[in-house]
Amino acid sequence: MICVVAIGLDTSAQDQSVASVAAEQKLTLIGDAAKLPAGISQKPKLVLISGDDEYRSEEALPMLAQIFSAQHGIDCTVLFSINPKTNSVDPNYHENNPGLEALTDADAVILFTRFRSWPDEQMELFEKYVMRGGPIVALRTATHPFDFPANSSTRFAKWSWNSKQWPGGFGQNIIGDTWVSHHGKHRVESARGVVDPAAVDHPILRGVDDLWAYADVYGIKHLPEDAHVLLRGQVLQGMSPSDAPVTDGRNDPMMPIAWTKSYQLDGGEPGKVFCTTMCSSVDLKNDGIRRLVVNATYWALGWQDKITADSPIELPSQYEPTMFGFSATPDYFSKQNLQPTDYLVK
């Protein structure tokens, strides 16, 4: 049985100037302005959107927000899948992700959702952000963030991961690919991130090394020509960073595991995307993967000249994420009655 860790809040968390109202069903973390990079005088706003039922984005994104706010001076808002029947965090509830009004003045978004079917009023708020070309940092299942029923009347049905009208939907057209396959064996073969030779000088990769993820390599086959592959995923024979690569041809060539690209909706402004198919909550215990996400977020904010090989990525000491997997019953999370503040890490 997959169990979520309810990460408690104590008074020591208050030094991060956490402002959160449970009724708002979100976390708002105020950045420490003294930690902004040199030459940056105004704090940006980062919105982190969780909502997946497998890779524990509801654990990963609050932790990342704490790093960004306390160590980099960035104001952060973390959004969650909320079950309206219980008013609690419920990753198994796909149809409600309140608080997307925060996108109105967001400077960047970290997206970590899987197969969501938000109501039109929430989709429209997200669409407005994309129409203005807002930068997106997409993690793991954000290649397939939406899934609307075949009989749905929403105009966003074409955003579904398996759309035929807009092939591959939002994931393929905006992020770079949709759901294709587990190229590595799920929960059997882990992944090593290998720098693509053509990307060694990319600012996102400064200080990024020793990348290893519990989550397996995804199959990728639709990346457009303008995508710039930064990392490739080496399939390993087991679930340890010391395991050898598989020798059955799946690493020849290795699949893209991180890339950048541009995007533009019809009638909208151009924007940019970074995507990595690593980043389950347990993957983020790896220093290299956290640095990759921090550097990518700097790049998304237009701070590429501020990226350094030793910027802070200190993990909160009590971050003990849950191994990825599906809950045993659909109502598992609704019975826990967890609130956004329960996911703050001491």
Protein backbone atom coordinates (compact mmCIF):
# COMPACT_ATOMS: atom_id res chain seq x y z
CA MET A 1 0.00 0.00 0.00
CA ILE A 2 1.31 3.43 -0.92
CA CYS A 3 1.15 5.82 2.01
CA VAL A 4 1.56 9.57 1.94
CA VAL A 5 3.78 11.20 4.55
CA ALA A 6 1.94 14.00 6.30
CA ILE A 7 4.74 16.51 6.75
CA GLY A 8 3.94 18.60 9.80
CA LEU A 9 4.45 22.31 10.39
CA ASP A 10 6.09 23.58 13.56
CA THR A 11 7.07 27.04 14.72
CA SER A 12 10.53 26.76 13.19
CA ALA A 13 8.92 26.88 9.75
CA GLN A 14 7.81 30.42 10.43
CA ASP A 15 11.28 31.81 9.66
CA GLN A 16 10.35 31.24 6.03
CA SER A 17 7.54 33.80 6.37
CA VAL A 18 4.92 31.21 5.46
CA ALA A 19 1.50 32.72 4.91
CA SER A 20 -1.16 30.08 4.40
CA VAL A 21 -4.89 29.99 4.93
CA ALA A 22 -6.36 26.50 4.86
CA ALA A 23 -9.59 27.77 3.35
CA GLU A 24 -7.62 29.02 0.35
CA GLN A 25 -6.47 25.44 -0.33
CA LYS A 26 -2.97 26.53 -1.32
CA LEU A 27 0.41 27.40 0.14
CA THR A 28 1.88 30.86 -0.18
CA LEU A 29 5.54 31.14 0.80
CA ILE A 30 7.09 34.61 0.92
CA GLY A 31 10.62 34.76 -0.42
CA ASP A 32 13.51 36.08 1.66
CA ALA A 33 14.50 39.14 -0.41
CA ALA A 34 18.01 39.04 1.06
CA LYS A 35 18.57 35.77 -0.83
CA LEU A 36 17.79 37.15 -4.30
CA PRO A 37 20.68 36.82 -6.78
CA ALA A 38 23.00 39.81 -7.02
CA GLY A 39 21.55 42.49 -9.28
CA ILE A 40 17.92 41.34 -8.84
CA SER A 41 15.91 43.83 -6.83
CA GLN A 42 12.33 42.61 -7.30
CA LYS A 43 11.08 39.23 -6.15
CA PRO A 44 9.47 37.15 -8.90
CA LYS A 45 6.39 35.01 -8.38
CA LEU A 46 6.60 31.29 -9.02
CA VAL A 47 3.46 29.13 -9.16
CA LEU A 48 3.95 25.39 -8.62
CA ILE A 49 1.01 23.24 -9.77
CA SER A 50 0.79 19.74 -8.30
CA GLY A 51 -1.79 17.15 -9.25
CA ASP A 52 -0.72 13.60 -10.04
CA ASP A 53 -1.80 10.33 -8.52
CA GLU A 54 1.48 8.44 -8.85
CA TYR A 55 4.72 10.41 -8.43
CA ARG A 56 3.82 12.45 -5.32
CA SER A 57 3.97 15.95 -6.75
CA GLU A 58 2.01 17.09 -3.68
CA GLU A 59 5.12 16.23 -1.66
CA ALA A 60 7.75 17.37 -4.16
CA LEU A 61 6.49 20.86 -4.99
CA PRO A 62 6.05 22.22 -1.44
CA MET A 63 9.64 21.15 -0.73
CA LEU A 64 10.88 22.90 -3.87
CA ALA A 65 8.88 26.00 -2.94
CA GLN A 66 10.60 26.06 0.44
CA ILE A 67 14.00 25.96 -1.30
CA PHE A 68 13.04 28.71 -3.74
CA SER A 69 11.56 31.01 -1.09
CA ALA A 70 14.07 30.53 1.73
CA GLN A 71 17.25 30.09 -0.33
CA HIS A 72 16.56 32.13 -3.48
CA GLY A 73 14.17 34.90 -2.42
CA ILE A 74 11.33 33.86 -4.74
CA ASP A 75 7.66 34.24 -3.74
CA CYS A 76 5.96 30.89 -4.27
CA THR A 77 2.38 29.67 -4.51
CA VAL A 78 1.78 25.90 -4.46
CA LEU A 79 -1.52 24.56 -5.79
CA PHE A 80 -3.05 21.13 -5.16
CA SER A 81 -5.73 18.78 -6.36
CA ILE A 82 -8.54 19.33 -3.88
CA ASN A 83 -11.48 16.98 -3.29
CA PRO A 84 -14.49 19.30 -2.84
CA LYS A 85 -16.32 16.72 -0.75
CA THR A 86 -13.63 16.77 1.95
CA ASN A 87 -11.92 20.11 1.25
CA SER A 88 -8.61 18.26 1.48
CA VAL A 89 -5.64 17.44 -0.74
CA ASP A 90 -6.54 14.45 -2.90
CA PRO A 91 -4.24 13.59 -5.83
CA ASN A 92 -6.76 10.93 -6.91
CA TYR A 93 -9.35 13.63 -7.60
CA HIS A 94 -8.63 14.80 -11.16
CA GLU A 95 -11.35 17.41 -11.64
CA ASN A 96 -10.43 20.28 -9.32
CA ASN A 97 -7.26 22.34 -8.92
CA PRO A 98 -8.31 25.61 -7.26
CA GLY A 99 -6.17 28.73 -6.99
CA LEU A 100 -5.15 29.05 -10.62
CA GLU A 101 -5.94 32.77 -10.36
CA ALA A 102 -2.38 32.94 -9.07
CA LEU A 103 -1.24 32.56 -12.68
CA THR A 104 -2.49 36.06 -13.52
CA ASP A 105 0.75 37.69 -12.38
CA ALA A 106 3.04 34.65 -12.27
CA ASP A 107 6.54 35.04 -13.70
CA ALA A 108 7.05 31.29 -14.15
CA VAL A 109 5.23 28.00 -13.56
CA ILE A 110 6.41 24.59 -12.44
CA LEU A 111 3.89 22.08 -13.78
CA PHE A 112 3.67 18.56 -12.34
CA THR A 113 0.24 17.16 -13.20
CA ARG A 114 -0.97 13.90 -14.67
CA PHE A 115 -4.19 13.16 -16.61
CA ARG A 116 -6.20 16.05 -15.12
CA SER A 117 -9.66 17.11 -16.34
CA TRP A 118 -10.13 20.51 -14.72
CA PRO A 119 -13.40 22.43 -15.24
CA ASP A 120 -13.46 25.07 -17.95
CA GLU A 121 -13.13 28.00 -15.56
CA GLN A 122 -9.85 26.57 -14.26
CA MET A 123 -8.61 25.59 -17.71
CA GLU A 124 -9.29 29.12 -18.93
CA LEU A 125 -7.03 30.57 -16.24
CA PHE A 126 -4.26 28.20 -17.28
CA GLU A 127 -4.89 28.95 -20.96
CA LYS A 128 -4.48 32.70 -20.33
CA TYR A 129 -1.06 32.07 -18.85
CA VAL A 130 -0.04 30.00 -21.87
CA MET A 131 -1.51 32.55 -24.28
CA ARG A 132 0.75 35.23 -22.84
CA GLY A 133 3.75 32.96 -23.36
CA GLY A 134 4.47 32.31 -19.69
CA PRO A 135 7.54 30.12 -19.14
CA ILE A 136 6.93 26.54 -18.02
CA VAL A 137 9.17 24.14 -16.12
CA ALA A 138 7.55 20.75 -16.74
CA LEU A 139 8.31 17.76 -14.52
CA ARG A 140 7.82 14.03 -15.22
CA THR A 141 4.10 13.52 -16.00
CA ALA A 142 3.67 17.07 -17.30
CA THR A 143 4.17 15.53 -20.74
CA HIS A 144 0.62 14.20 -20.29
CA PRO A 145 -1.01 16.72 -17.95
CA PHE A 146 -4.61 16.55 -19.23
CA ASP A 147 -7.12 13.82 -20.04
CA PHE A 148 -10.72 14.70 -20.86
CA PRO A 149 -13.37 12.02 -21.46
CA ALA A 150 -14.11 11.22 -25.08
CA ASN A 151 -17.69 12.49 -24.70
CA SER A 152 -16.64 15.73 -23.01
CA SER A 153 -18.16 18.94 -24.36
CA THR A 154 -15.28 21.12 -23.18
CA ARG A 155 -13.39 23.03 -25.83
CA PHE A 156 -10.23 21.85 -24.09
CA ALA A 157 -10.82 18.22 -25.08
CA LYS A 158 -8.10 18.58 -27.72
CA TRP A 159 -5.60 19.28 -24.92
CA SER A 160 -5.88 15.60 -23.87
CA TRP A 161 -2.72 13.54 -24.04
CA ASN A 162 -4.22 11.24 -26.69
CA SER A 163 -5.99 13.85 -28.82
CA LYS A 164 -6.32 13.17 -32.54
CA GLN A 165 -7.59 16.68 -33.28
CA TRP A 166 -4.41 18.25 -31.86
CA PRO A 167 -2.12 15.20 -32.05
CA GLY A 168 -0.71 14.43 -28.64
CA GLY A 169 -2.58 17.36 -27.10
CA PHE A 170 -0.99 19.96 -24.85
CA GLY A 171 1.91 17.71 -23.88
CA GLN A 172 3.16 16.99 -27.38
CA ASN A 173 2.53 20.45 -28.79
CA ILE A 174 3.60 22.65 -25.90
CA ILE A 175 5.87 20.55 -23.66
CA GLY A 176 7.49 18.49 -26.41
CA ASP A 177 5.91 15.06 -26.16
CA THR A 178 2.93 13.21 -24.75
CA TRP A 179 2.76 9.89 -22.91
CA VAL A 180 4.47 7.25 -25.06
CA SER A 181 5.78 4.39 -22.91
CA HIS A 182 7.95 3.24 -20.06
CA HIS A 183 11.22 2.80 -21.94
CA GLY A 184 12.76 1.44 -18.76
CA LYS A 185 10.91 -1.18 -16.73
CA HIS A 186 8.74 0.64 -14.23
CA ARG A 187 9.92 0.28 -10.59
CA VAL A 188 12.56 -2.21 -11.80
CA GLU A 189 15.06 -0.18 -13.87
CA SER A 190 16.17 3.24 -12.64
CA ALA A 191 17.72 6.03 -14.72
CA ARG A 192 21.03 7.84 -14.96
CA GLY A 193 21.06 11.30 -16.52
CA VAL A 194 23.82 11.74 -19.11
CA VAL A 195 24.71 15.14 -20.57
CA ASP A 196 24.14 15.35 -24.32
CA PRO A 197 27.47 16.26 -25.97
CA ALA A 198 25.83 19.18 -27.80
CA ALA A 199 24.60 20.71 -24.53
CA VAL A 200 27.71 20.72 -22.32
CA ASP A 201 27.84 24.52 -22.21
CA HIS A 202 24.14 25.15 -21.57
CA PRO A 203 23.61 27.32 -18.47
CA ILE A 204 20.96 24.97 -17.07
CA LEU A 205 23.65 22.30 -16.69
CA ARG A 206 26.07 24.40 -14.61
CA GLY A 207 27.05 22.32 -11.60
CA VAL A 208 24.69 19.50 -12.58
CA ASP A 209 26.26 16.08 -12.15
CA ASP A 210 25.68 12.62 -10.69
CA LEU A 211 22.07 12.57 -11.83
CA TRP A 212 20.21 9.46 -10.79
CA ALA A 213 16.46 8.86 -10.60
CA TYR A 214 14.38 6.04 -9.14
CA ALA A 215 11.80 6.79 -11.84
CA ASP A 216 12.47 4.97 -15.08
CA VAL A 217 13.25 6.48 -18.47
CA TYR A 218 10.17 7.46 -20.48
CA GLY A 219 9.83 6.74 -24.17
CA ILE A 220 10.09 9.96 -26.20
CA LYS A 221 9.50 10.07 -29.96
CA HIS A 222 7.79 13.35 -30.95
CA LEU A 223 10.27 16.08 -29.97
CA PRO A 224 10.21 18.88 -32.57
CA GLU A 225 13.30 20.01 -34.43
CA ASP A 226 13.64 23.14 -32.29
CA ALA A 227 13.92 21.14 -29.06
CA HIS A 228 17.38 21.30 -27.52
CA VAL A 229 18.15 18.03 -25.73
CA LEU A 230 20.20 18.64 -22.58
CA LEU A 231 20.22 15.20 -20.97
CA ARG A 232 19.65 11.64 -22.08
CA GLY A 233 18.39 8.84 -19.90
CA GLN A 234 20.53 5.75 -19.47
CA VAL A 235 18.42 2.75 -18.45
CA LEU A 236 20.03 0.88 -15.55
CA GLN A 237 19.61 -2.77 -14.68
CA GLY A 238 18.21 -2.11 -11.22
CA MET A 239 17.10 0.46 -8.68
CA SER A 240 20.51 1.57 -7.44
CA PRO A 241 22.79 4.32 -8.80
CA SER A 242 25.64 1.80 -8.88
CA ASP A 243 23.78 -0.57 -11.21
CA ALA A 244 25.19 -1.12 -14.68
CA PRO A 245 23.37 0.01 -17.83
CA VAL A 246 21.17 -2.48 -19.63
CA THR A 247 22.80 -4.10 -22.65
CA ASP A 248 19.75 -4.93 -24.77
CA GLY A 249 19.96 -1.94 -27.11
CA ARG A 250 17.59 0.43 -25.29
CA ASN A 251 20.50 2.77 -24.56
CA ASP A 252 21.51 2.95 -28.21
CA PRO A 253 20.56 5.72 -28.60
CA MET A 254 19.47 6.91 -25.17
CA MET A 255 16.10 8.65 -24.88
CA PRO A 256 15.95 12.40 -24.18
CA ILE A 257 15.31 12.94 -20.46
CA ALA A 258 15.58 16.76 -20.33
CA TRP A 259 15.20 19.42 -23.01
CA THR A 260 14.25 23.02 -23.76
CA LYS A 261 11.97 24.27 -26.51
CA SER A 262 9.79 27.17 -27.55
CA TYR A 263 6.01 27.19 -27.89
CA GLN A 264 3.19 29.40 -29.14
CA LEU A 265 -0.56 28.86 -29.10
CA ASP A 266 -2.53 30.16 -32.07
CA GLY A 267 -3.05 33.87 -31.44
CA GLY A 268 -0.78 33.83 -28.40
CA GLU A 269 2.64 35.13 -27.51
CA PRO A 270 5.77 32.95 -27.81
CA GLY A 271 6.98 31.19 -24.68
CA LYS A 272 9.63 28.74 -23.57
CA VAL A 273 9.63 25.34 -21.88
CA PHE A 274 12.07 23.24 -19.95
CA CYS A 275 11.03 19.62 -19.39
CA THR A 276 12.57 16.70 -17.57
CA THR A 277 10.92 13.31 -17.27
CA MET A 278 12.76 12.73 -13.99
CA CYS A 279 11.57 14.34 -10.73
CA SER A 280 9.35 12.00 -8.78
CA SER A 281 9.34 13.13 -5.16
CA VAL A 282 12.02 10.58 -4.26
CA ASP A 283 14.17 11.57 -7.26
CA LEU A 284 14.47 15.05 -5.77
CA LYS A 285 16.60 13.71 -2.93
CA ASN A 286 19.35 13.61 -5.56
CA ASP A 287 21.42 16.81 -5.43
CA GLY A 288 21.95 16.90 -9.18
CA ILE A 289 18.24 16.70 -9.94
CA ARG A 290 17.39 19.49 -7.48
CA ARG A 291 20.10 21.67 -9.01
CA LEU A 292 18.72 20.90 -12.47
CA VAL A 293 15.27 22.15 -11.42
CA VAL A 294 16.67 25.25 -9.69
CA ASN A 295 18.81 26.11 -12.72
CA ALA A 296 15.90 25.50 -15.11
CA THR A 297 13.70 27.82 -13.06
CA TYR A 298 16.37 30.54 -13.20
CA TRP A 299 16.46 30.04 -16.97
CA ALA A 300 12.67 30.27 -17.14
CA LEU A 301 12.80 33.56 -15.20
CA GLY A 302 15.38 34.96 -17.61
CA TRP A 303 18.15 34.69 -15.01
CA GLN A 304 20.46 32.45 -17.05
CA ASP A 305 23.39 34.78 -16.34
CA LYS A 306 22.72 34.29 -12.59
CA ILE A 307 23.02 30.50 -12.71
CA THR A 308 26.04 29.27 -10.80
CA ALA A 309 27.43 25.81 -10.18
CA ASP A 310 27.11 26.23 -6.43
CA SER A 311 23.78 27.98 -5.90
CA PRO A 312 21.91 26.74 -2.79
CA ILE A 313 19.89 23.55 -3.11
CA GLU A 314 19.86 22.50 0.53
CA LEU A 315 17.24 19.86 1.21
CA PRO A 316 15.02 20.39 4.27
CA SER A 317 16.32 17.93 6.84
CA GLN A 318 13.03 16.13 7.36
CA TYR A 319 12.09 15.68 3.70
CA GLU A 320 11.19 11.99 3.57
CA PRO A 321 9.06 11.54 0.46
CA THR A 322 6.90 8.56 -0.35
CA MET A 323 8.06 6.08 -2.97
CA PHE A 324 5.98 6.54 -6.10
CA GLY A 325 3.02 4.35 -6.89
CA PHE A 326 -0.75 4.37 -6.88
CA SER A 327 -2.78 4.27 -3.66
CA ALA A 328 -4.53 1.00 -2.87
CA THR A 329 -8.01 2.55 -2.94
CA PRO A 330 -9.43 5.60 -4.76
CA ASP A 331 -10.56 7.15 -1.46
CA TYR A 332 -7.22 6.70 0.31
CA PHE A 333 -6.26 10.38 0.24
CA SER A 334 -9.73 11.72 0.94
CA LYS A 335 -9.73 9.74 4.18
CA GLN A 336 -6.46 11.34 5.28
CA ASN A 337 -7.98 14.85 5.31
CA LEU A 338 -4.58 16.41 4.58
CA GLN A 339 -4.35 20.17 4.17
CA PRO A 340 -1.71 22.11 2.20
CA THR A 341 0.13 23.05 5.40
CA ASP A 342 0.61 19.36 6.16
CA TYR A 343 3.09 19.23 3.29
CA LEU A 344 5.49 21.84 4.62
CA VAL A 345 8.81 20.29 5.56
CA LYS A 346 10.56 21.02 8.86
